[in-house]
């Protein structure tokens, strides 16, 4: 299984990777490299993974490089592995700026923000979430039956994020939407959208 920073390093020292692509097979296909031998003397590439020791939410901590092969090519020296580390740093520069690490480490619990009373703006956000939720349900349903390409991006969930940070937890029973708030998750609004 491919994880975190996945790359292919070639015998001539080229490191192939793309943010968002964790599959070595996709990287090989992208680079038009044929995976046709396991002989350590003639293999042209190595599959590399660099994964966090403590977890993805701690990018500043130690990471470990691993060769994801049954046979490690004899040409894969420390110098070539160092090339992978250089590219890994570039990967981190692309991936981590888009992640709010502080919040990911300390997620907001909307039910701990105290009971809130929804405003008209909150109900508008819930309507936007309803629309996105319907699209997401349809996409997930289609994916589950094999009809959607797995690389398709799912809709933006910002309305849910805003409601969450305002102290509301939406629920939907198939007919009625509800906004819950406070430590007892009291229903503070319900209706059809």
N, C-alpha and C. Protein backbone atom coordinates (compact mmCIF):
# COMPACT_ATOMS: atom_id res chain seq x y z
N UNK A 1 0.84 -1.18 0.00
CA UNK A 1 0.00 0.00 0.00
C UNK A 1 0.89 1.25 0.00
N UNK A 2 0.52 2.24 -0.80
CA UNK A 2 1.31 3.46 -0.91
C UNK A 2 0.82 4.49 0.10
N UNK A 3 1.75 5.23 0.67
CA UNK A 3 1.42 6.20 1.70
C UNK A 3 2.19 7.49 1.50
N UNK A 4 1.64 8.57 2.05
CA UNK A 4 2.31 9.87 2.18
C UNK A 4 3.06 10.24 0.92
N UNK A 5 4.37 10.46 1.04
CA UNK A 5 5.17 10.82 -0.12
C UNK A 5 5.58 9.54 -0.82
N UNK A 6 5.01 9.32 -1.99
CA UNK A 6 5.38 8.18 -2.81
C UNK A 6 6.14 8.71 -4.02
N UNK A 7 7.20 8.02 -4.37
CA UNK A 7 8.01 8.45 -5.50
C UNK A 7 8.65 7.24 -6.17
N UNK A 8 9.12 7.50 -7.36
CA UNK A 8 9.93 6.53 -8.10
C UNK A 8 11.28 7.20 -8.30
N UNK A 9 12.35 6.50 -7.98
CA UNK A 9 13.68 7.01 -8.32
C UNK A 9 14.26 6.09 -9.38
N UNK A 10 14.81 6.70 -10.41
CA UNK A 10 15.39 5.92 -11.50
C UNK A 10 16.88 5.72 -11.27
N UNK A 11 17.42 4.79 -12.00
CA UNK A 11 18.85 4.47 -11.87
C UNK A 11 19.72 5.70 -12.14
N UNK A 12 19.26 6.60 -13.03
CA UNK A 12 20.04 7.80 -13.34
C UNK A 12 19.77 8.96 -12.37
N UNK A 13 18.99 8.71 -11.30
CA UNK A 13 18.80 9.71 -10.25
C UNK A 13 17.60 10.62 -10.42
N UNK A 14 16.73 10.33 -11.37
CA UNK A 14 15.53 11.14 -11.55
C UNK A 14 14.49 10.69 -10.52
N UNK A 15 13.89 11.65 -9.79
CA UNK A 15 12.86 11.33 -8.79
C UNK A 15 11.52 11.80 -9.34
N UNK A 16 10.60 10.86 -9.48
CA UNK A 16 9.28 11.12 -10.06
C UNK A 16 8.23 11.08 -8.97
N UNK A 17 7.48 12.17 -8.84
CA UNK A 17 6.40 12.23 -7.85
C UNK A 17 5.42 13.30 -8.30
N UNK A 18 4.25 13.27 -7.70
CA UNK A 18 3.25 14.30 -7.94
C UNK A 18 2.37 14.39 -6.70
N UNK A 19 2.21 15.59 -6.16
CA UNK A 19 1.35 15.77 -4.99
C UNK A 19 -0.04 15.23 -5.31
N UNK A 20 -0.57 14.43 -4.41
CA UNK A 20 -1.90 13.84 -4.61
C UNK A 20 -1.85 12.47 -5.25
N UNK A 21 -0.71 12.06 -5.77
CA UNK A 21 -0.57 10.71 -6.35
C UNK A 21 0.25 9.87 -5.40
N UNK A 22 -0.39 8.87 -4.80
CA UNK A 22 0.29 7.98 -3.87
C UNK A 22 0.59 6.62 -4.49
N UNK A 23 0.06 6.38 -5.67
CA UNK A 23 0.21 5.07 -6.30
C UNK A 23 1.48 5.00 -7.13
N UNK A 24 2.34 4.06 -6.78
CA UNK A 24 3.56 3.86 -7.57
C UNK A 24 3.22 3.46 -9.00
N UNK A 25 2.17 2.66 -9.17
CA UNK A 25 1.78 2.24 -10.52
C UNK A 25 1.39 3.45 -11.37
N UNK A 26 0.66 4.41 -10.78
CA UNK A 26 0.30 5.62 -11.52
C UNK A 26 1.53 6.44 -11.87
N UNK A 27 2.47 6.51 -10.93
CA UNK A 27 3.70 7.26 -11.19
C UNK A 27 4.52 6.60 -12.31
N UNK A 28 4.58 5.27 -12.30
CA UNK A 28 5.29 4.55 -13.36
C UNK A 28 4.63 4.79 -14.71
N UNK A 29 3.30 4.74 -14.72
CA UNK A 29 2.56 4.99 -15.95
C UNK A 29 2.79 6.43 -16.44
N UNK A 30 2.72 7.38 -15.51
CA UNK A 30 2.93 8.79 -15.84
C UNK A 30 4.31 9.00 -16.47
N UNK A 31 5.33 8.30 -15.96
CA UNK A 31 6.70 8.44 -16.46
C UNK A 31 7.02 7.49 -17.62
N UNK A 32 6.01 6.68 -17.99
CA UNK A 32 6.18 5.70 -19.07
C UNK A 32 7.34 4.75 -18.80
N UNK A 33 7.40 4.28 -17.56
CA UNK A 33 8.44 3.31 -17.17
C UNK A 33 7.77 1.95 -17.02
N UNK A 34 8.38 0.94 -17.63
CA UNK A 34 7.82 -0.40 -17.59
C UNK A 34 8.37 -1.15 -16.38
N UNK A 35 7.47 -1.75 -15.62
CA UNK A 35 7.83 -2.55 -14.44
C UNK A 35 7.96 -4.00 -14.90
N UNK A 36 9.18 -4.39 -15.33
CA UNK A 36 9.30 -5.69 -15.98
C UNK A 36 10.37 -6.62 -15.40
N UNK A 37 10.95 -6.25 -14.26
CA UNK A 37 11.96 -7.15 -13.67
C UNK A 37 12.07 -6.91 -12.17
N UNK A 38 12.54 -7.91 -11.46
CA UNK A 38 12.84 -7.74 -10.03
C UNK A 38 14.32 -8.03 -9.77
N UNK A 39 15.08 -8.16 -10.84
CA UNK A 39 16.51 -8.42 -10.72
C UNK A 39 17.22 -7.16 -10.24
N UNK A 40 17.84 -7.22 -9.08
CA UNK A 40 18.51 -6.07 -8.46
C UNK A 40 19.65 -5.48 -9.28
N UNK A 41 20.14 -6.23 -10.25
CA UNK A 41 21.23 -5.72 -11.09
C UNK A 41 20.71 -4.92 -12.28
N UNK A 42 19.52 -5.27 -12.77
CA UNK A 42 19.05 -4.59 -13.99
C UNK A 42 17.80 -3.75 -13.79
N UNK A 43 17.20 -3.78 -12.63
CA UNK A 43 16.00 -2.98 -12.41
C UNK A 43 16.33 -1.49 -12.59
N UNK A 44 15.43 -0.77 -13.26
CA UNK A 44 15.70 0.61 -13.66
C UNK A 44 15.18 1.65 -12.66
N UNK A 45 14.43 1.22 -11.68
CA UNK A 45 13.82 2.18 -10.75
C UNK A 45 13.59 1.52 -9.40
N UNK A 46 13.28 2.34 -8.42
CA UNK A 46 12.88 1.83 -7.10
C UNK A 46 11.66 2.63 -6.64
N UNK A 47 10.74 1.95 -6.00
CA UNK A 47 9.56 2.59 -5.41
C UNK A 47 9.94 3.06 -4.00
N UNK A 48 9.73 4.34 -3.76
CA UNK A 48 10.12 4.95 -2.48
C UNK A 48 8.88 5.47 -1.76
N UNK A 49 8.85 5.32 -0.46
CA UNK A 49 7.84 5.95 0.38
C UNK A 49 8.54 6.62 1.54
N UNK A 50 8.09 7.83 1.86
CA UNK A 50 8.57 8.53 3.05
C UNK A 50 7.35 8.82 3.90
N UNK A 51 7.33 8.24 5.09
CA UNK A 51 6.16 8.34 5.95
C UNK A 51 6.53 8.92 7.32
N UNK A 52 5.55 9.59 7.96
CA UNK A 52 5.82 10.20 9.26
C UNK A 52 5.84 9.17 10.37
N UNK A 53 6.80 9.29 11.27
CA UNK A 53 6.88 8.35 12.39
C UNK A 53 5.78 8.61 13.42
N UNK A 54 5.47 9.88 13.65
CA UNK A 54 4.49 10.24 14.69
C UNK A 54 3.10 10.46 14.13
N UNK A 55 2.95 10.65 12.82
CA UNK A 55 1.64 10.88 12.21
C UNK A 55 1.67 12.11 11.32
N UNK A 56 0.74 12.18 10.41
CA UNK A 56 0.69 13.24 9.40
C UNK A 56 0.47 14.62 9.99
N UNK A 57 -0.08 14.71 11.19
CA UNK A 57 -0.33 16.01 11.80
C UNK A 57 0.92 16.59 12.47
N UNK A 58 2.04 15.89 12.35
CA UNK A 58 3.29 16.34 12.94
C UNK A 58 4.38 16.35 11.87
N UNK A 59 4.21 17.19 10.84
CA UNK A 59 5.17 17.17 9.73
C UNK A 59 6.57 17.59 10.13
N UNK A 60 6.69 18.28 11.24
CA UNK A 60 8.01 18.75 11.69
C UNK A 60 8.80 17.63 12.37
N UNK A 61 8.16 16.54 12.72
CA UNK A 61 8.84 15.43 13.39
C UNK A 61 9.53 14.51 12.37
N UNK A 62 10.10 13.44 12.86
CA UNK A 62 10.89 12.51 12.05
C UNK A 62 10.02 11.75 11.03
N UNK A 63 10.55 11.60 9.85
CA UNK A 63 9.95 10.80 8.78
C UNK A 63 10.95 9.70 8.40
N UNK A 64 10.45 8.61 7.85
CA UNK A 64 11.30 7.47 7.50
C UNK A 64 11.16 7.13 6.03
N UNK A 65 12.29 6.95 5.36
CA UNK A 65 12.32 6.52 3.96
C UNK A 65 12.36 5.01 3.92
N UNK A 66 11.53 4.46 3.05
CA UNK A 66 11.46 3.01 2.90
C UNK A 66 11.43 2.68 1.41
N UNK A 67 12.12 1.63 1.03
CA UNK A 67 12.06 1.12 -0.33
C UNK A 67 10.90 0.13 -0.37
N UNK A 68 9.91 0.42 -1.21
CA UNK A 68 8.71 -0.41 -1.28
C UNK A 68 8.86 -1.45 -2.40
N UNK A 69 9.87 -2.28 -2.26
CA UNK A 69 10.19 -3.30 -3.25
C UNK A 69 10.57 -4.59 -2.54
N UNK A 70 10.36 -5.69 -3.20
CA UNK A 70 10.84 -6.97 -2.67
C UNK A 70 12.36 -7.05 -2.80
N UNK A 71 12.87 -6.43 -3.86
CA UNK A 71 14.31 -6.42 -4.12
C UNK A 71 14.76 -4.97 -4.20
N UNK A 72 15.75 -4.59 -3.41
CA UNK A 72 16.30 -3.24 -3.49
C UNK A 72 17.39 -3.23 -4.56
N UNK A 73 17.28 -2.32 -5.53
CA UNK A 73 18.31 -2.26 -6.57
C UNK A 73 19.69 -1.99 -5.96
N UNK A 74 20.70 -2.61 -6.49
CA UNK A 74 22.05 -2.44 -5.95
C UNK A 74 22.58 -1.01 -6.13
N UNK A 75 22.05 -0.30 -7.13
CA UNK A 75 22.50 1.06 -7.42
C UNK A 75 21.87 2.11 -6.48
N UNK A 76 20.93 1.71 -5.63
CA UNK A 76 20.24 2.66 -4.76
C UNK A 76 21.12 3.00 -3.56
N UNK A 77 21.99 3.98 -3.75
CA UNK A 77 22.96 4.40 -2.74
C UNK A 77 22.37 5.48 -1.84
N UNK A 78 23.10 5.83 -0.81
CA UNK A 78 22.69 6.91 0.09
C UNK A 78 22.53 8.21 -0.69
N UNK A 79 23.42 8.46 -1.63
CA UNK A 79 23.36 9.68 -2.45
C UNK A 79 22.04 9.75 -3.23
N UNK A 80 21.61 8.61 -3.76
CA UNK A 80 20.34 8.59 -4.50
C UNK A 80 19.16 8.75 -3.54
N UNK A 81 19.24 8.17 -2.35
CA UNK A 81 18.18 8.36 -1.36
C UNK A 81 18.11 9.82 -0.92
N UNK A 82 19.27 10.48 -0.86
CA UNK A 82 19.28 11.91 -0.51
C UNK A 82 18.52 12.74 -1.55
N UNK A 83 18.56 12.32 -2.81
CA UNK A 83 17.78 13.00 -3.86
C UNK A 83 16.28 12.89 -3.56
N UNK A 84 15.87 11.74 -3.01
CA UNK A 84 14.45 11.56 -2.63
C UNK A 84 14.08 12.51 -1.50
N UNK A 85 14.98 12.69 -0.54
CA UNK A 85 14.71 13.61 0.57
C UNK A 85 14.57 15.05 0.07
N UNK A 86 15.35 15.43 -0.92
CA UNK A 86 15.24 16.78 -1.49
C UNK A 86 13.86 16.97 -2.12
N UNK A 87 13.42 15.98 -2.86
CA UNK A 87 12.09 16.06 -3.49
C UNK A 87 10.98 15.98 -2.45
N UNK A 88 11.20 15.24 -1.39
CA UNK A 88 10.23 15.16 -0.29
C UNK A 88 10.01 16.55 0.32
N UNK A 89 11.09 17.30 0.50
CA UNK A 89 10.95 18.67 1.03
C UNK A 89 10.09 19.53 0.11
N UNK A 90 10.25 19.36 -1.19
CA UNK A 90 9.41 20.10 -2.15
C UNK A 90 7.95 19.67 -2.02
N UNK A 91 7.72 18.38 -1.83
CA UNK A 91 6.36 17.85 -1.65
C UNK A 91 5.71 18.48 -0.42
N UNK A 92 6.45 18.51 0.69
CA UNK A 92 5.91 19.11 1.92
C UNK A 92 5.55 20.58 1.71
N UNK A 93 6.39 21.29 0.93
CA UNK A 93 6.12 22.71 0.65
C UNK A 93 4.83 22.89 -0.15
N UNK A 94 4.46 21.89 -0.95
CA UNK A 94 3.22 21.95 -1.72
C UNK A 94 2.01 21.53 -0.89
N UNK A 95 2.18 20.49 -0.08
CA UNK A 95 1.04 19.87 0.60
C UNK A 95 0.66 20.59 1.90
N UNK A 96 1.60 20.88 2.74
CA UNK A 96 1.28 21.35 4.09
C UNK A 96 0.76 22.79 4.21
N UNK A 97 1.08 23.71 3.30
CA UNK A 97 0.50 25.06 3.45
C UNK A 97 -1.04 25.06 3.38
N UNK A 98 -1.63 24.07 2.73
CA UNK A 98 -3.09 23.99 2.61
C UNK A 98 -3.77 23.32 3.79
N UNK A 99 -3.00 22.95 4.82
CA UNK A 99 -3.57 22.25 5.97
C UNK A 99 -3.41 23.12 7.21
N UNK A 100 -4.50 23.34 7.91
CA UNK A 100 -4.44 24.07 9.18
C UNK A 100 -4.06 23.06 10.26
N UNK A 101 -2.77 22.89 10.48
CA UNK A 101 -2.26 21.89 11.42
C UNK A 101 -2.77 22.14 12.83
N UNK A 102 -2.79 23.41 13.26
CA UNK A 102 -3.24 23.72 14.62
C UNK A 102 -4.66 23.23 14.84
N UNK A 103 -5.54 23.51 13.89
CA UNK A 103 -6.92 23.07 14.05
C UNK A 103 -7.06 21.56 13.89
N UNK A 104 -6.28 20.98 12.99
CA UNK A 104 -6.35 19.54 12.81
C UNK A 104 -5.92 18.81 14.09
N UNK A 105 -4.95 19.38 14.80
CA UNK A 105 -4.51 18.78 16.06
C UNK A 105 -5.51 19.03 17.19
N UNK A 106 -6.25 20.12 17.10
CA UNK A 106 -7.22 20.51 18.14
C UNK A 106 -8.55 20.86 17.50
N UNK A 107 -9.28 19.86 16.99
CA UNK A 107 -10.51 20.15 16.27
C UNK A 107 -11.59 20.77 17.16
N UNK A 108 -12.39 21.62 16.53
CA UNK A 108 -13.49 22.27 17.23
C UNK A 108 -14.60 21.25 17.45
N UNK A 109 -15.11 21.19 18.67
CA UNK A 109 -16.30 20.40 18.96
C UNK A 109 -17.45 21.39 19.06
N UNK A 110 -18.35 21.44 18.07
CA UNK A 110 -19.40 22.46 18.08
C UNK A 110 -20.32 22.37 19.28
N UNK A 111 -20.42 21.20 19.87
CA UNK A 111 -21.32 21.04 21.01
C UNK A 111 -20.71 21.57 22.31
N UNK A 112 -19.40 21.90 22.27
CA UNK A 112 -18.75 22.46 23.45
C UNK A 112 -18.71 24.00 23.41
N UNK A 113 -19.28 24.60 22.38
CA UNK A 113 -19.25 26.05 22.23
C UNK A 113 -20.43 26.73 22.94
N UNK A 114 -21.25 25.95 23.62
CA UNK A 114 -22.43 26.52 24.27
C UNK A 114 -23.59 26.56 23.29
N UNK A 115 -24.78 26.59 23.85
CA UNK A 115 -25.98 26.59 23.02
C UNK A 115 -26.08 27.89 22.23
N UNK A 116 -26.27 27.76 20.93
CA UNK A 116 -26.38 28.89 20.02
C UNK A 116 -27.79 28.95 19.44
N UNK A 117 -28.21 30.12 19.04
CA UNK A 117 -29.48 30.30 18.35
C UNK A 117 -29.15 30.65 16.91
N UNK A 118 -29.66 29.88 15.94
CA UNK A 118 -29.28 30.14 14.54
C UNK A 118 -29.88 31.43 14.01
N UNK A 119 -29.10 32.09 13.16
CA UNK A 119 -29.54 33.30 12.48
C UNK A 119 -30.01 32.93 11.08
N UNK A 120 -30.56 33.88 10.37
CA UNK A 120 -30.96 33.67 8.98
C UNK A 120 -29.75 33.24 8.15
N UNK A 121 -28.60 33.83 8.44
CA UNK A 121 -27.37 33.49 7.73
C UNK A 121 -27.01 32.01 7.97
N UNK A 122 -27.22 31.52 9.20
CA UNK A 122 -26.94 30.11 9.50
C UNK A 122 -27.85 29.19 8.71
N UNK A 123 -29.11 29.58 8.57
CA UNK A 123 -30.06 28.75 7.80
C UNK A 123 -29.66 28.76 6.32
N UNK A 124 -29.16 29.89 5.81
CA UNK A 124 -28.67 29.95 4.43
C UNK A 124 -27.47 29.01 4.26
N UNK A 125 -26.59 28.99 5.24
CA UNK A 125 -25.45 28.06 5.19
C UNK A 125 -25.94 26.62 5.18
N UNK A 126 -26.96 26.33 5.98
CA UNK A 126 -27.52 24.98 6.02
C UNK A 126 -28.12 24.62 4.66
N UNK A 127 -28.76 25.58 3.99
CA UNK A 127 -29.31 25.32 2.65
C UNK A 127 -28.19 24.99 1.66
N UNK A 128 -27.08 25.73 1.76
CA UNK A 128 -25.94 25.43 0.89
C UNK A 128 -25.39 24.04 1.19
N UNK A 129 -25.30 23.71 2.48
CA UNK A 129 -24.82 22.38 2.85
C UNK A 129 -25.77 21.31 2.36
N UNK A 130 -27.08 21.58 2.42
CA UNK A 130 -28.09 20.62 1.94
C UNK A 130 -27.84 20.30 0.47
N UNK A 131 -27.58 21.34 -0.32
CA UNK A 131 -27.32 21.16 -1.74
C UNK A 131 -26.04 20.35 -1.96
N UNK A 132 -24.99 20.71 -1.25
CA UNK A 132 -23.73 19.98 -1.37
C UNK A 132 -23.86 18.55 -0.86
N UNK A 133 -24.61 18.38 0.22
CA UNK A 133 -24.81 17.05 0.81
C UNK A 133 -25.51 16.14 -0.19
N UNK A 134 -26.53 16.68 -0.89
CA UNK A 134 -27.24 15.87 -1.89
C UNK A 134 -26.28 15.44 -2.99
N UNK A 135 -25.42 16.36 -3.43
CA UNK A 135 -24.44 16.05 -4.47
C UNK A 135 -23.43 15.01 -3.97
N UNK A 136 -22.97 15.21 -2.73
CA UNK A 136 -22.00 14.28 -2.15
C UNK A 136 -22.60 12.88 -2.00
N UNK A 137 -23.85 12.81 -1.51
CA UNK A 137 -24.53 11.51 -1.37
C UNK A 137 -24.62 10.81 -2.73
N UNK A 138 -25.00 11.58 -3.76
CA UNK A 138 -25.12 10.99 -5.10
C UNK A 138 -23.76 10.51 -5.61
N UNK A 139 -22.71 11.32 -5.38
CA UNK A 139 -21.37 10.93 -5.83
C UNK A 139 -20.89 9.68 -5.11
N UNK A 140 -21.08 9.65 -3.79
CA UNK A 140 -20.65 8.48 -3.02
C UNK A 140 -21.45 7.25 -3.42
N UNK A 141 -22.74 7.42 -3.65
CA UNK A 141 -23.56 6.29 -4.08
C UNK A 141 -23.10 5.75 -5.42
N UNK A 142 -22.81 6.66 -6.34
CA UNK A 142 -22.33 6.24 -7.66
C UNK A 142 -20.96 5.58 -7.55
N UNK A 143 -20.09 6.16 -6.72
CA UNK A 143 -18.76 5.58 -6.52
C UNK A 143 -18.88 4.16 -5.97
N UNK A 144 -19.78 4.00 -5.00
CA UNK A 144 -19.95 2.68 -4.37
C UNK A 144 -20.38 1.63 -5.39
N UNK A 145 -21.07 2.06 -6.42
CA UNK A 145 -21.48 1.10 -7.44
C UNK A 145 -20.52 1.05 -8.62
N UNK A 146 -19.38 1.77 -8.49
CA UNK A 146 -18.35 1.69 -9.50
C UNK A 146 -18.54 2.58 -10.71
N UNK A 147 -19.43 3.56 -10.64
CA UNK A 147 -19.71 4.39 -11.81
C UNK A 147 -18.97 5.71 -11.83
N UNK A 148 -18.22 6.06 -10.78
CA UNK A 148 -17.55 7.35 -10.74
C UNK A 148 -16.05 7.14 -10.63
N UNK A 149 -15.31 7.93 -11.38
CA UNK A 149 -13.85 7.88 -11.33
C UNK A 149 -13.40 8.31 -9.94
N UNK A 150 -12.52 7.55 -9.31
CA UNK A 150 -12.08 7.84 -7.95
C UNK A 150 -11.28 9.13 -7.85
N UNK A 151 -10.82 9.68 -8.97
CA UNK A 151 -10.04 10.92 -8.91
C UNK A 151 -10.94 12.16 -8.90
N UNK A 152 -12.25 11.96 -9.04
CA UNK A 152 -13.17 13.11 -9.03
C UNK A 152 -13.17 13.77 -7.65
N UNK A 153 -13.09 15.10 -7.63
CA UNK A 153 -13.10 15.82 -6.37
C UNK A 153 -14.52 15.98 -5.87
N UNK A 154 -14.70 15.90 -4.57
CA UNK A 154 -16.00 16.10 -3.97
C UNK A 154 -16.23 17.59 -3.73
N UNK A 155 -17.48 18.00 -3.61
CA UNK A 155 -17.80 19.42 -3.45
C UNK A 155 -17.19 20.04 -2.19
N UNK A 156 -17.09 21.34 -2.22
CA UNK A 156 -16.56 22.13 -1.11
C UNK A 156 -17.51 22.01 0.09
N UNK A 157 -16.95 21.79 1.25
CA UNK A 157 -17.78 21.63 2.46
C UNK A 157 -17.72 22.85 3.37
N UNK A 158 -17.40 24.01 2.82
CA UNK A 158 -17.26 25.21 3.64
C UNK A 158 -18.51 25.56 4.43
N UNK A 159 -19.74 25.45 3.89
CA UNK A 159 -20.92 25.77 4.73
C UNK A 159 -20.96 24.93 6.01
N UNK A 160 -20.63 23.66 5.91
CA UNK A 160 -20.60 22.82 7.11
C UNK A 160 -19.53 23.29 8.07
N UNK A 161 -18.36 23.64 7.55
CA UNK A 161 -17.25 24.11 8.38
C UNK A 161 -17.65 25.36 9.15
N UNK A 162 -18.32 26.31 8.46
CA UNK A 162 -18.74 27.54 9.13
C UNK A 162 -19.77 27.24 10.22
N UNK A 163 -20.78 26.42 9.88
CA UNK A 163 -21.79 26.05 10.89
C UNK A 163 -21.12 25.39 12.10
N UNK A 164 -20.22 24.48 11.84
CA UNK A 164 -19.50 23.75 12.89
C UNK A 164 -18.79 24.73 13.82
N UNK A 165 -18.10 25.69 13.22
CA UNK A 165 -17.35 26.67 14.02
C UNK A 165 -18.25 27.68 14.73
N UNK A 166 -19.48 27.78 14.31
CA UNK A 166 -20.43 28.66 14.97
C UNK A 166 -21.18 27.92 16.09
N UNK A 167 -20.92 26.63 16.23
CA UNK A 167 -21.52 25.88 17.33
C UNK A 167 -22.73 25.06 16.94
N UNK A 168 -22.87 24.76 15.65
CA UNK A 168 -24.02 23.99 15.18
C UNK A 168 -23.58 22.66 14.58
N UNK A 169 -24.33 21.64 14.89
CA UNK A 169 -24.11 20.32 14.32
C UNK A 169 -25.36 19.95 13.54
N UNK A 170 -25.28 19.93 12.18
CA UNK A 170 -26.45 19.58 11.38
C UNK A 170 -26.73 18.08 11.40
N UNK A 171 -28.01 17.73 11.31
CA UNK A 171 -28.40 16.34 11.12
C UNK A 171 -29.55 16.30 10.12
N UNK A 172 -29.70 15.19 9.46
CA UNK A 172 -30.73 15.05 8.42
C UNK A 172 -31.25 13.63 8.47
N UNK A 173 -32.57 13.47 8.55
CA UNK A 173 -33.15 12.13 8.64
C UNK A 173 -33.73 11.65 7.32
N UNK A 174 -33.41 12.35 6.25
CA UNK A 174 -33.96 12.01 4.95
C UNK A 174 -35.11 12.91 4.55
N UNK A 175 -35.69 13.58 5.52
CA UNK A 175 -36.78 14.51 5.25
C UNK A 175 -36.57 15.88 5.90
N UNK A 176 -36.13 15.87 7.15
CA UNK A 176 -36.03 17.11 7.91
C UNK A 176 -34.58 17.36 8.34
N UNK A 177 -34.16 18.61 8.17
CA UNK A 177 -32.86 19.04 8.66
C UNK A 177 -33.03 19.60 10.06
N UNK A 178 -32.01 19.40 10.88
CA UNK A 178 -32.00 19.95 12.23
C UNK A 178 -30.63 20.54 12.51
N UNK A 179 -30.63 21.61 13.30
CA UNK A 179 -29.39 22.16 13.82
C UNK A 179 -29.39 21.89 15.31
N UNK A 180 -28.33 21.23 15.78
CA UNK A 180 -28.15 20.92 17.20
C UNK A 180 -27.10 21.87 17.75
N UNK A 181 -27.25 22.22 19.04
CA UNK A 181 -26.27 23.11 19.66
C UNK A 181 -26.21 22.84 21.15
N UNK A 182 -25.08 23.18 21.76
CA UNK A 182 -24.88 23.00 23.20
C UNK A 182 -24.43 21.60 23.55
N UNK A 183 -24.00 21.44 24.79
CA UNK A 183 -23.44 20.15 25.24
C UNK A 183 -24.43 19.00 25.17
N UNK A 184 -25.72 19.29 25.24
CA UNK A 184 -26.73 18.23 25.16
C UNK A 184 -27.24 18.05 23.73
N UNK A 185 -26.62 18.74 22.79
CA UNK A 185 -27.00 18.66 21.37
C UNK A 185 -28.48 18.92 21.17
N UNK A 186 -28.97 19.95 21.84
CA UNK A 186 -30.39 20.30 21.74
C UNK A 186 -30.71 20.76 20.32
N UNK A 187 -31.90 20.43 19.88
CA UNK A 187 -32.36 20.91 18.58
C UNK A 187 -32.74 22.37 18.73
N UNK A 188 -32.05 23.24 17.98
CA UNK A 188 -32.33 24.67 18.06
C UNK A 188 -33.02 25.17 16.80
N UNK A 189 -33.08 24.32 15.77
CA UNK A 189 -33.82 24.66 14.56
C UNK A 189 -34.10 23.37 13.83
N UNK A 190 -35.30 23.27 13.21
CA UNK A 190 -35.59 22.15 12.33
C UNK A 190 -36.54 22.59 11.25
N UNK A 191 -36.40 21.96 10.11
CA UNK A 191 -37.26 22.32 9.00
C UNK A 191 -36.83 21.62 7.73
N UNK A 192 -37.66 21.83 6.70
CA UNK A 192 -37.34 21.28 5.38
C UNK A 192 -36.74 22.40 4.55
N UNK A 193 -35.78 22.08 3.74
CA UNK A 193 -35.09 23.09 2.94
C UNK A 193 -35.43 22.95 1.46
